[in-house]
N, C-alpha and C. Protein backbone atom coordinates (compact mmCIF):
# COMPACT_ATOMS: atom_id res chain seq x y z
N MET A 1 0.77 -1.25 -0.18
CA MET A 1 -0.37 0.12 0.14
C MET A 1 0.65 1.09 -0.02
N PRO A 2 0.86 2.39 -0.83
CA PRO A 2 1.34 3.65 -0.86
C PRO A 2 1.33 4.06 0.33
N ALA A 3 2.07 4.99 0.77
CA ALA A 3 2.28 5.86 1.88
C ALA A 3 2.79 7.11 1.81
N PRO A 4 2.53 8.24 2.39
CA PRO A 4 2.42 9.34 2.05
C PRO A 4 4.29 9.59 2.79
N PRO A 5 5.12 10.46 2.03
CA PRO A 5 6.48 10.45 2.28
C PRO A 5 6.54 11.20 3.61
N VAL A 6 5.90 10.98 4.93
CA VAL A 6 6.23 11.56 5.88
C VAL A 6 6.17 10.17 7.03
N GLY A 7 7.21 10.73 8.19
CA GLY A 7 7.61 9.35 8.96
C GLY A 7 7.94 9.81 10.06
N VAL A 8 8.24 9.44 11.09
CA VAL A 8 8.81 9.55 12.52
C VAL A 8 9.87 9.31 12.75
N ILE A 9 11.04 9.65 13.30
CA ILE A 9 12.48 9.30 13.60
C ILE A 9 12.31 7.98 14.16
N GLY A 10 13.06 7.16 13.45
CA GLY A 10 12.78 5.64 14.21
C GLY A 10 12.26 4.73 13.27
N GLN A 11 11.51 5.48 12.32
CA GLN A 11 10.64 4.86 11.11
C GLN A 11 11.69 4.59 10.12
N ASN A 12 11.50 3.62 9.24
CA ASN A 12 12.19 3.07 8.13
C ASN A 12 10.89 3.65 6.83
N LEU A 13 11.75 4.02 5.84
CA LEU A 13 10.94 4.49 4.79
C LEU A 13 11.41 3.82 3.44
N PHE A 14 10.59 3.03 2.69
CA PHE A 14 11.11 2.64 1.50
C PHE A 14 10.38 2.94 0.42
N ILE A 15 11.86 3.40 -0.55
CA ILE A 15 11.15 4.43 -2.12
C ILE A 15 11.39 3.12 -2.78
N HIS A 16 10.48 2.75 -3.52
CA HIS A 16 10.76 2.11 -4.51
C HIS A 16 10.00 2.07 -6.04
N GLY A 17 10.21 1.56 -7.07
CA GLY A 17 9.23 1.90 -8.41
C GLY A 17 10.30 1.14 -9.62
N PHE A 18 9.67 1.25 -10.89
CA PHE A 18 10.43 0.77 -12.02
C PHE A 18 11.15 1.64 -12.74
N LEU A 19 12.41 1.15 -13.47
CA LEU A 19 13.16 2.12 -14.34
C LEU A 19 12.48 1.23 -15.46
N ILE A 20 12.10 1.84 -16.49
CA ILE A 20 11.52 1.40 -17.98
C ILE A 20 12.41 2.32 -18.93
N GLY A 21 12.27 1.54 -20.06
CA GLY A 21 13.08 2.66 -21.50
C GLY A 21 14.40 2.15 -21.38
N PHE A 22 14.85 1.31 -20.43
CA PHE A 22 16.54 1.14 -20.76
C PHE A 22 16.77 0.03 -21.87
N GLY A 23 18.12 0.62 -22.36
CA GLY A 23 18.67 -0.12 -23.86
C GLY A 23 19.51 -1.12 -23.39
N ARG A 24 19.81 -1.90 -24.46
CA ARG A 24 20.45 -3.14 -24.07
C ARG A 24 21.84 -3.11 -24.95
N GLY A 25 22.72 -3.58 -24.55
CA GLY A 25 24.32 -3.82 -25.11
C GLY A 25 24.25 -4.79 -26.58
N GLY A 26 25.08 -4.80 -26.80
CA GLY A 26 25.61 -6.16 -28.30
C GLY A 26 25.21 -7.81 -27.41
N ASP A 27 25.13 -7.56 -26.16
CA ASP A 27 25.07 -8.95 -25.45
C ASP A 27 23.64 -9.05 -24.88
N LYS A 28 22.89 -8.13 -25.55
CA LYS A 28 21.14 -8.44 -24.79
C LYS A 28 21.18 -7.95 -23.35
N LYS A 29 21.96 -7.40 -22.65
CA LYS A 29 22.05 -7.06 -21.29
C LYS A 29 21.91 -5.70 -21.09
N PRO A 30 21.12 -5.38 -19.74
CA PRO A 30 20.96 -4.11 -19.72
C PRO A 30 22.17 -3.65 -18.99
N ASN A 31 22.48 -2.22 -19.06
CA ASN A 31 23.59 -1.52 -18.17
C ASN A 31 22.80 -0.36 -17.42
N ALA A 32 22.50 -0.40 -16.47
CA ALA A 32 21.83 1.14 -16.20
C ALA A 32 22.19 0.66 -14.57
N THR A 33 21.84 2.08 -13.96
CA THR A 33 21.97 2.07 -12.53
C THR A 33 21.17 3.54 -12.26
N VAL A 34 20.52 3.21 -10.68
CA VAL A 34 20.09 4.04 -10.08
C VAL A 34 20.68 4.46 -8.87
N GLU A 35 20.56 5.91 -8.64
CA GLU A 35 21.19 6.55 -7.65
C GLU A 35 20.18 7.25 -6.77
N LEU A 36 20.38 7.03 -5.22
CA LEU A 36 19.38 7.67 -4.49
C LEU A 36 20.38 8.53 -3.66
N ARG A 37 20.17 10.10 -3.92
CA ARG A 37 20.80 10.82 -2.99
C ARG A 37 19.51 11.70 -2.19
N ILE A 38 20.09 12.13 -0.82
CA ILE A 38 19.28 12.88 -0.07
C ILE A 38 19.96 14.05 0.71
N TYR A 39 19.23 15.27 0.26
CA TYR A 39 19.34 16.42 0.47
C TYR A 39 18.26 17.11 1.76
N ASP A 40 19.18 17.94 2.52
CA ASP A 40 18.37 18.29 3.82
C ASP A 40 17.73 19.75 3.12
N GLU A 41 17.15 20.59 3.92
CA GLU A 41 16.49 21.73 3.60
C GLU A 41 17.56 22.95 3.00
N ALA A 42 18.65 22.92 3.08
CA ALA A 42 19.44 23.87 2.40
C ALA A 42 19.98 23.28 1.39
N LYS A 43 19.78 22.04 0.66
CA LYS A 43 19.93 21.39 -0.34
C LYS A 43 21.70 20.97 -0.38
N ARG A 44 22.03 20.77 1.18
CA ARG A 44 23.14 20.05 1.20
C ARG A 44 22.67 18.37 1.25
N PRO A 45 23.88 17.48 0.73
CA PRO A 45 23.54 16.19 0.91
C PRO A 45 23.95 15.51 2.12
N THR A 46 22.95 14.80 2.53
CA THR A 46 23.03 14.15 3.94
C THR A 46 24.30 12.86 3.95
N LEU A 47 24.61 12.15 2.91
CA LEU A 47 25.43 11.04 2.71
C LEU A 47 26.38 11.77 1.61
N THR A 48 28.08 11.02 2.12
CA THR A 48 28.99 11.59 1.20
C THR A 48 28.82 10.93 0.00
N LYS A 49 28.11 9.35 -0.16
CA LYS A 49 28.01 9.15 -1.31
C LYS A 49 26.67 8.47 -1.83
N PRO A 50 26.20 8.80 -2.43
CA PRO A 50 24.72 8.00 -2.87
C PRO A 50 24.43 6.67 -2.73
N LEU A 51 23.32 6.23 -2.23
CA LEU A 51 23.11 4.92 -2.76
C LEU A 51 22.89 4.38 -4.00
N MET A 52 23.37 3.27 -4.49
CA MET A 52 23.40 2.83 -5.73
C MET A 52 22.65 1.47 -5.95
N ALA A 53 21.57 1.31 -6.77
CA ALA A 53 20.98 0.01 -7.59
C ALA A 53 21.41 -0.10 -8.67
N VAL A 54 22.22 -1.49 -9.29
CA VAL A 54 22.01 -1.71 -10.44
C VAL A 54 21.33 -2.58 -11.03
N VAL A 55 21.02 -2.37 -12.14
CA VAL A 55 19.98 -3.08 -12.94
C VAL A 55 20.44 -4.44 -13.34
N PRO A 56 19.70 -5.43 -12.59
CA PRO A 56 20.55 -7.07 -12.79
C PRO A 56 20.23 -6.93 -14.31
N LYS A 57 21.70 -8.03 -14.73
CA LYS A 57 22.22 -8.28 -16.11
C LYS A 57 20.87 -9.28 -16.64
N ASP A 58 20.29 -10.43 -15.65
CA ASP A 58 19.39 -11.31 -15.91
C ASP A 58 17.93 -11.42 -16.66
N ILE A 59 17.78 -9.99 -16.63
CA ILE A 59 16.44 -9.28 -17.00
C ILE A 59 15.95 -10.21 -18.31
N PRO A 60 15.04 -10.83 -18.68
CA PRO A 60 14.32 -11.68 -19.69
C PRO A 60 14.62 -10.46 -20.67
N ASP A 61 14.73 -10.97 -22.14
CA ASP A 61 14.56 -9.70 -23.29
C ASP A 61 13.31 -9.55 -23.29
N ALA A 62 12.43 -9.98 -23.16
CA ALA A 62 11.05 -9.47 -23.21
C ALA A 62 10.59 -8.48 -22.35
N GLU A 63 11.37 -8.55 -21.47
CA GLU A 63 10.76 -7.48 -20.01
C GLU A 63 11.66 -5.84 -20.45
N ASP A 64 11.40 -4.92 -20.41
CA ASP A 64 11.82 -3.62 -20.11
C ASP A 64 11.82 -2.96 -19.04
N ALA A 65 11.78 -3.35 -18.00
CA ALA A 65 11.16 -2.76 -16.65
C ALA A 65 12.09 -3.78 -15.66
N ALA A 66 12.86 -2.80 -14.94
CA ALA A 66 13.48 -3.54 -13.44
C ALA A 66 13.10 -2.64 -12.06
N ALA A 67 12.84 -3.42 -11.81
CA ALA A 67 12.25 -3.09 -10.24
C ALA A 67 13.30 -2.23 -8.94
N VAL A 68 13.51 -1.02 -8.60
CA VAL A 68 14.14 -0.78 -8.10
C VAL A 68 13.75 -0.40 -6.39
N ARG A 69 14.70 -0.34 -5.47
CA ARG A 69 13.88 -0.30 -3.80
C ARG A 69 15.44 0.09 -3.21
N PHE A 70 15.00 1.02 -2.61
CA PHE A 70 15.65 1.64 -1.28
C PHE A 70 15.20 1.90 0.10
N LEU A 71 15.90 1.20 1.14
CA LEU A 71 15.45 1.48 2.42
C LEU A 71 16.52 2.97 3.07
N LEU A 72 15.74 3.52 3.42
CA LEU A 72 15.54 4.94 3.77
C LEU A 72 15.16 5.02 5.56
N PRO A 73 16.31 5.05 6.08
CA PRO A 73 16.29 4.83 8.07
C PRO A 73 15.85 6.36 8.11
N LEU A 74 14.74 6.80 9.05
CA LEU A 74 14.78 8.64 9.20
C LEU A 74 14.97 8.55 10.65
N ASN A 75 16.54 9.19 10.57
CA ASN A 75 16.95 9.41 11.95
C ASN A 75 17.27 10.64 12.41
N ARG A 76 16.78 11.79 11.93
CA ARG A 76 16.95 13.17 11.95
C ARG A 76 15.01 13.86 11.61
N GLU A 77 14.91 15.00 12.60
CA GLU A 77 13.78 15.54 12.01
C GLU A 77 14.02 16.77 11.01
N GLY A 78 13.23 16.92 10.21
CA GLY A 78 13.30 17.95 9.13
C GLY A 78 12.50 17.35 7.90
N THR A 79 12.81 18.65 7.05
CA THR A 79 12.33 18.38 5.43
C THR A 79 12.82 17.94 4.95
N PHE A 80 13.50 16.89 4.08
CA PHE A 80 14.35 16.44 3.11
C PHE A 80 13.83 16.21 1.50
N THR A 81 14.64 16.02 0.39
CA THR A 81 14.50 15.82 -0.80
C THR A 81 15.30 14.23 -1.21
N ALA A 82 14.38 13.73 -1.52
CA ALA A 82 15.40 12.20 -1.99
C ALA A 82 15.03 12.37 -3.74
N GLU A 83 16.47 12.31 -3.81
CA GLU A 83 16.37 12.41 -5.76
C GLU A 83 17.11 11.04 -6.21
N LEU A 84 16.32 10.80 -6.96
CA LEU A 84 16.51 9.41 -7.50
C LEU A 84 16.73 9.39 -9.25
N LYS A 85 18.14 9.43 -9.58
CA LYS A 85 18.60 9.56 -10.72
C LYS A 85 19.02 8.45 -11.61
N ALA A 86 18.18 7.69 -12.65
CA ALA A 86 18.85 6.76 -13.38
C ALA A 86 19.67 7.33 -14.53
N THR A 87 20.69 6.44 -14.86
CA THR A 87 21.48 6.35 -16.07
C THR A 87 21.53 5.22 -16.69
N ASP A 88 21.33 5.14 -18.01
CA ASP A 88 21.46 3.90 -19.04
C ASP A 88 22.53 4.04 -19.58
N ALA A 89 23.68 3.49 -19.36
CA ALA A 89 24.80 3.68 -20.10
C ALA A 89 25.04 3.02 -21.13
N THR A 90 24.22 2.56 -21.98
CA THR A 90 24.17 1.53 -23.04
C THR A 90 23.86 3.02 -24.22
N SER A 91 22.71 3.67 -23.92
CA SER A 91 21.76 4.38 -24.70
C SER A 91 22.46 5.95 -24.55
N GLY A 92 23.14 6.10 -23.10
CA GLY A 92 23.19 7.68 -22.38
C GLY A 92 22.24 8.43 -21.97
N LYS A 93 21.16 7.56 -21.96
CA LYS A 93 19.80 8.30 -21.16
C LYS A 93 19.74 8.33 -19.65
N THR A 94 19.48 9.56 -19.22
CA THR A 94 19.01 9.56 -17.64
C THR A 94 17.67 10.32 -17.60
N ALA A 95 17.26 10.04 -16.17
CA ALA A 95 15.91 10.75 -15.90
C ALA A 95 16.50 10.77 -14.14
N THR A 96 15.79 11.96 -14.02
CA THR A 96 15.78 12.44 -12.44
C THR A 96 14.43 12.76 -11.91
N VAL A 97 13.82 12.35 -10.32
CA VAL A 97 12.71 12.78 -10.21
C VAL A 97 13.24 12.91 -8.38
N ALA A 98 12.45 14.27 -8.13
CA ALA A 98 12.65 14.38 -6.64
C ALA A 98 11.43 14.08 -6.01
N ILE A 99 11.77 13.50 -4.68
CA ILE A 99 10.65 13.33 -3.69
C ILE A 99 10.68 14.11 -2.53
N PRO A 100 9.78 14.88 -2.10
CA PRO A 100 9.85 15.90 -0.80
C PRO A 100 9.52 14.44 0.04
N ILE A 101 10.22 14.86 1.44
CA ILE A 101 10.19 13.83 2.85
C ILE A 101 10.06 14.79 3.65
N ARG A 102 9.41 14.50 4.75
CA ARG A 102 9.35 15.14 6.18
C ARG A 102 9.19 14.12 7.03
N VAL A 103 10.35 14.34 8.05
CA VAL A 103 10.38 13.32 9.10
C VAL A 103 10.03 14.39 10.64
N LEU A 104 9.07 13.95 11.31
CA LEU A 104 8.58 14.02 12.44
C LEU A 104 9.28 13.60 13.64
N ALA A 105 9.65 14.51 14.95
CA ALA A 105 9.90 13.96 16.20
C ALA A 105 8.77 13.40 16.42
N PRO A 106 9.06 11.87 17.20
CA PRO A 106 7.61 11.16 18.04
C PRO A 106 6.81 12.19 18.82
N GLY A 107 7.15 13.11 19.25
CA GLY A 107 6.07 13.92 20.18
C GLY A 107 5.23 14.95 19.27
N GLN A 108 5.70 14.89 18.47
CA GLN A 108 4.64 15.64 17.31
C GLN A 108 3.18 15.19 16.55
N VAL A 109 3.40 13.76 16.87
CA VAL A 109 2.23 13.01 16.06
C VAL A 109 1.74 12.26 17.18
N THR A 110 0.15 12.10 17.23
CA THR A 110 -0.44 11.41 17.87
C THR A 110 -1.65 11.05 17.42
N VAL A 111 -2.10 9.72 17.62
CA VAL A 111 -3.38 9.10 17.07
C VAL A 111 -4.65 9.36 18.46
N PRO A 112 -5.85 9.90 18.09
CA PRO A 112 -6.72 9.89 19.31
C PRO A 112 -6.92 8.43 19.98
N GLY A 113 -6.90 8.26 20.99
CA GLY A 113 -7.21 6.91 21.53
C GLY A 113 -5.92 5.63 21.54
N HIS A 114 -4.81 6.16 20.58
CA HIS A 114 -3.96 5.45 20.57
C HIS A 114 -2.59 5.62 21.04
N ASN A 115 -1.55 4.80 20.95
CA ASN A 115 0.00 5.19 21.29
C ASN A 115 0.44 6.70 20.54
N PRO A 116 0.83 7.42 21.25
CA PRO A 116 1.47 8.52 20.96
C PRO A 116 2.66 8.02 20.00
N GLY A 117 3.14 8.81 18.56
CA GLY A 117 3.73 8.53 17.97
C GLY A 117 3.93 8.06 16.73
N VAL A 118 2.43 7.77 16.26
CA VAL A 118 2.25 7.68 14.75
C VAL A 118 0.84 8.05 14.83
N GLY A 119 0.66 8.44 13.73
CA GLY A 119 -0.89 9.04 13.10
C GLY A 119 -1.09 10.31 12.56
N TRP A 120 -1.98 10.93 13.61
CA TRP A 120 -2.77 12.03 13.48
C TRP A 120 -1.81 13.37 14.07
N VAL A 121 -1.74 14.56 13.12
CA VAL A 121 -0.92 15.66 14.00
C VAL A 121 -1.60 16.03 15.15
N GLU A 122 -0.77 16.38 16.33
CA GLU A 122 -1.21 17.07 17.47
C GLU A 122 -2.36 18.03 17.01
N GLY A 123 -3.47 18.26 17.47
CA GLY A 123 -4.20 19.33 17.51
C GLY A 123 -5.45 19.21 16.52
N ALA A 124 -5.00 18.05 15.60
CA ALA A 124 -5.89 18.27 14.15
C ALA A 124 -7.27 17.53 14.64
N GLU A 125 -8.24 17.92 13.77
CA GLU A 125 -9.53 17.76 13.93
C GLU A 125 -9.58 16.16 14.18
N ARG A 126 -10.43 15.64 15.19
CA ARG A 126 -10.76 14.40 15.37
C ARG A 126 -11.81 13.87 14.21
N PRO A 127 -11.11 12.77 13.49
CA PRO A 127 -12.02 12.19 12.27
C PRO A 127 -13.06 11.53 12.99
N ARG A 128 -13.82 11.20 11.76
CA ARG A 128 -15.37 10.32 11.59
C ARG A 128 -14.61 8.93 11.52
N PRO A 129 -15.12 8.02 12.06
CA PRO A 129 -14.36 6.48 11.00
C PRO A 129 -14.48 6.37 10.05
N THR A 130 -15.28 7.00 9.00
CA THR A 130 -15.42 6.90 7.68
C THR A 130 -14.12 7.88 7.11
N GLU A 131 -13.74 8.72 7.37
CA GLU A 131 -12.69 9.56 7.18
C GLU A 131 -11.52 9.29 7.57
N ILE A 132 -11.33 8.25 8.16
CA ILE A 132 -9.58 8.01 8.49
C ILE A 132 -8.85 7.63 7.09
N GLY A 133 -9.31 7.08 5.94
CA GLY A 133 -8.52 7.15 4.86
C GLY A 133 -8.29 8.24 4.18
N THR A 134 -8.92 9.31 4.25
CA THR A 134 -8.66 10.49 3.45
C THR A 134 -8.35 11.44 4.35
N ARG A 135 -8.22 11.39 5.68
CA ARG A 135 -7.53 12.58 6.54
C ARG A 135 -5.93 12.60 6.33
N TRP A 136 -5.72 11.04 6.28
CA TRP A 136 -4.00 10.89 6.33
C TRP A 136 -3.33 12.20 5.31
N ALA A 137 -3.92 12.14 4.08
CA ALA A 137 -3.12 12.95 3.39
C ALA A 137 -3.38 14.23 3.65
N SER A 138 -4.40 15.16 4.54
CA SER A 138 -4.29 16.31 4.90
C SER A 138 -3.08 16.50 5.99
N VAL A 139 -2.42 15.40 6.75
CA VAL A 139 -1.40 15.97 7.91
C VAL A 139 -0.27 16.29 7.21
N ALA A 140 0.17 16.38 5.85
CA ALA A 140 1.39 16.72 5.50
C ALA A 140 1.22 16.77 3.94
N PRO A 141 0.42 17.45 3.40
CA PRO A 141 0.04 17.93 2.01
C PRO A 141 1.56 17.95 1.01
N LEU A 142 1.69 16.77 -0.06
CA LEU A 142 3.07 16.88 -0.54
C LEU A 142 2.99 16.42 -1.72
N PRO A 143 3.29 17.16 -3.02
CA PRO A 143 3.52 17.07 -4.21
C PRO A 143 3.49 15.39 -4.70
N ARG A 144 2.84 14.93 -5.51
CA ARG A 144 3.18 13.37 -5.96
C ARG A 144 4.37 13.66 -7.23
N PRO A 145 5.14 12.35 -7.07
CA PRO A 145 6.39 12.32 -7.85
C PRO A 145 5.60 11.72 -9.42
N THR A 146 6.05 12.13 -10.13
CA THR A 146 5.58 11.66 -11.61
C THR A 146 6.64 10.84 -11.96
N LEU A 147 6.24 9.56 -12.91
CA LEU A 147 7.27 8.85 -13.48
C LEU A 147 7.39 9.16 -14.77
N ARG A 148 8.80 9.37 -15.41
CA ARG A 148 9.31 9.72 -16.73
C ARG A 148 9.81 8.38 -17.32
N ARG A 149 9.74 8.36 -18.44
CA ARG A 149 10.60 7.32 -19.48
C ARG A 149 12.20 7.96 -19.63
N LEU A 150 13.04 7.36 -19.47
CA LEU A 150 14.42 7.83 -19.68
C LEU A 150 14.53 8.54 -20.79
N LYS A 151 15.01 9.89 -20.93
CA LYS A 151 15.22 10.90 -22.07
C LYS A 151 16.73 10.31 -23.01
């Protein structure tokens, strides 16, 4: 189930998707990578080197999509940007997508009638049971990333 790019310190966030439109070399194997860089509010990288995923060479010829997945432990409060950059070494194509992420301190979030630390922002209007699925998006409205083919 997709989740909003919002979490609490101590949680893990998975960023995953598919790389499509990559080329194949003379050996019919892909030669593509996806890098994940995390930037803080001041646009400074939080890691010295990006996390890297390599498209497996054993993808069947009939398939032109490769799944990528990154684990992102949330270890400090703030607003961050996750930047995914796909590079196809065979064709020279690249594509980049940026995803905004908010990390909250455990005390900033509570669920009425549940343990503090997950769920609704403190002071938010108490939802009726039928609104629970729609109210979550109002906690931290962030733009949805769009998928793009490699250029």
